[in-house]
Amino acid sequence: MMALSMENLALSGGLAAGLILIVGLPVVGGLIWAVSLGIKIRRNEPPPPSEEDQPRLPEGGPVREQQERREPYELSRREDRLLPHDLRGHGSTTSRNQRRRRWHPGASGSFGSGGSGHR
């Protein structure tokens, strides 16, 4: 009885080794092919940019931030559906009044701060 089970183990071990070879060889071959294809594609690509092609700061130094007040683009109420070509390309426009809003004493600083508010 013990000998019979050892034979089964030997047969199943040989079967597993054969199955690994049958499945493993095509997988390894596919990986080698993929790496060689990647090397060929990489050779055809342009080289990375040189130091002279890298971006540089302008002569006058870094560009400064520009601040402006914007007004939202209000959509009018329409009876028919609003389609994408009816919309403008951006959601806001430059405000006519570019004066900054200033804080006034007694005005609330944020929601729930306890101030009376000021407009």
Protein backbone atom coordinates (compact mmCIF):
# COMPACT_ATOMS: atom_id res chain seq x y z
CA MET A 1 0.00 0.00 0.00
CA MET A 2 2.82 2.36 0.91
CA ALA A 3 4.67 1.58 -2.31
CA LEU A 4 1.61 2.36 -4.40
CA SER A 5 1.25 5.82 -2.93
CA MET A 6 4.97 6.51 -3.49
CA GLU A 7 4.52 5.61 -7.16
CA ASN A 8 1.59 8.00 -7.41
CA LEU A 9 3.69 10.76 -5.86
CA ALA A 10 6.53 10.10 -8.29
CA LEU A 11 4.14 10.18 -11.23
CA SER A 12 2.43 13.34 -10.03
CA GLY A 13 5.83 15.00 -9.43
CA GLY A 14 6.92 14.18 -12.99
CA LEU A 15 3.59 15.45 -14.29
CA ALA A 16 4.03 18.72 -12.39
CA ALA A 17 7.56 19.15 -13.77
CA GLY A 18 6.30 18.53 -17.31
CA LEU A 19 3.43 20.97 -16.82
CA ILE A 20 5.85 23.64 -15.56
CA LEU A 21 7.98 23.16 -18.67
CA ILE A 22 4.98 23.25 -21.01
CA VAL A 23 3.58 26.45 -19.45
CA GLY A 24 6.83 28.06 -18.32
CA LEU A 25 8.76 28.01 -21.59
CA PRO A 26 6.16 30.03 -23.57
CA VAL A 27 5.86 32.52 -20.70
CA VAL A 28 9.63 33.04 -20.56
CA GLY A 29 9.75 33.29 -24.37
CA GLY A 30 6.98 35.92 -24.30
CA LEU A 31 8.82 37.96 -21.68
CA ILE A 32 12.05 37.87 -23.68
CA TRP A 33 10.15 38.96 -26.80
CA ALA A 34 8.45 41.83 -24.91
CA VAL A 35 11.77 43.12 -23.53
CA SER A 36 13.41 43.00 -26.95
CA LEU A 37 10.42 44.83 -28.48
CA GLY A 38 10.67 47.51 -25.77
CA ILE A 39 14.37 47.97 -26.49
CA LYS A 40 13.66 48.42 -30.23
CA ILE A 41 10.92 50.98 -29.53
CA ARG A 42 13.17 52.87 -27.11
CA ARG A 43 15.94 53.10 -29.74
CA ASN A 44 13.51 54.75 -32.20
CA GLU A 45 12.39 57.41 -29.70
CA PRO A 46 14.08 60.83 -29.70
CA PRO A 47 16.74 61.34 -27.02
CA PRO A 48 15.91 63.26 -23.83
CA PRO A 49 16.24 67.06 -24.10
CA SER A 50 19.69 68.52 -23.66
CA GLU A 51 20.62 71.15 -21.08
CA GLU A 52 20.15 73.94 -23.65
CA ASP A 53 16.57 72.80 -24.36
CA GLN A 54 15.50 73.10 -20.71
CA PRO A 55 13.25 76.03 -19.73
CA ARG A 56 14.94 79.14 -18.32
CA LEU A 57 13.82 82.10 -16.23
CA PRO A 58 13.00 85.23 -18.23
CA GLU A 59 15.59 88.04 -18.34
CA GLY A 60 13.56 90.15 -15.90
CA GLY A 61 13.33 87.41 -13.29
CA PRO A 62 10.34 85.30 -12.30
CA VAL A 63 6.91 86.34 -13.52
CA ARG A 64 4.79 87.84 -10.75
CA GLU A 65 1.30 86.89 -9.81
CA GLN A 66 -1.53 88.95 -11.25
CA GLN A 67 -4.57 89.62 -9.12
CA GLU A 68 -7.93 90.73 -10.46
CA ARG A 69 -11.52 90.60 -9.37
CA ARG A 70 -13.76 88.35 -11.41
CA GLU A 71 -17.52 88.37 -11.88
CA PRO A 72 -19.39 85.13 -12.44
CA TYR A 73 -21.09 84.54 -15.76
CA GLU A 74 -24.77 84.32 -14.96
CA LEU A 75 -26.93 82.01 -17.03
CA SER A 76 -30.34 83.36 -17.94
CA ARG A 77 -33.45 81.32 -17.24
CA ARG A 78 -34.56 79.68 -20.44
CA GLU A 79 -37.61 77.66 -21.29
CA ASP A 80 -35.76 75.37 -23.68
CA ARG A 81 -32.74 73.22 -22.90
CA LEU A 82 -29.31 74.78 -22.63
CA LEU A 83 -26.88 73.05 -24.98
CA PRO A 84 -23.06 73.00 -24.76
CA HIS A 85 -22.64 75.32 -27.75
CA ASP A 86 -24.83 77.89 -25.96
CA LEU A 87 -22.28 78.18 -23.12
CA ARG A 88 -19.32 80.54 -23.13
CA GLY A 89 -15.78 79.21 -23.02
CA HIS A 90 -15.10 80.34 -19.44
CA GLY A 91 -17.06 80.75 -16.24
CA SER A 92 -16.24 84.33 -15.32
CA THR A 93 -15.24 87.72 -16.70
CA THR A 94 -13.01 90.53 -15.45
CA SER A 95 -14.91 92.86 -13.15
CA ARG A 96 -15.27 96.52 -14.12
CA ASN A 97 -14.52 97.52 -10.54
CA GLN A 98 -11.00 96.33 -9.67
CA ARG A 99 -10.91 97.90 -6.18
CA ARG A 100 -10.29 95.31 -3.50
CA ARG A 101 -12.91 94.72 -0.85
CA ARG A 102 -11.65 95.89 2.53
CA TRP A 103 -12.45 94.69 5.99
CA HIS A 104 -14.56 97.01 8.10
CA PRO A 105 -14.62 97.04 11.91
CA GLY A 106 -17.65 95.16 13.17
CA ALA A 107 -17.83 93.02 10.06
CA SER A 108 -17.80 89.29 10.54
CA GLY A 109 -14.56 87.56 9.64
CA SER A 110 -16.10 84.25 8.68
CA PHE A 111 -19.29 82.31 9.02
CA GLY A 112 -20.22 81.86 12.64
CA SER A 113 -17.62 84.25 14.02
CA GLY A 114 -20.23 86.17 15.98
CA GLY A 115 -19.88 89.48 14.14
CA SER A 116 -22.90 91.47 13.06
CA GLY A 117 -21.81 91.47 9.43
CA HIS A 118 -21.35 94.42 7.10
CA ARG A 119 -22.06 94.97 3.46
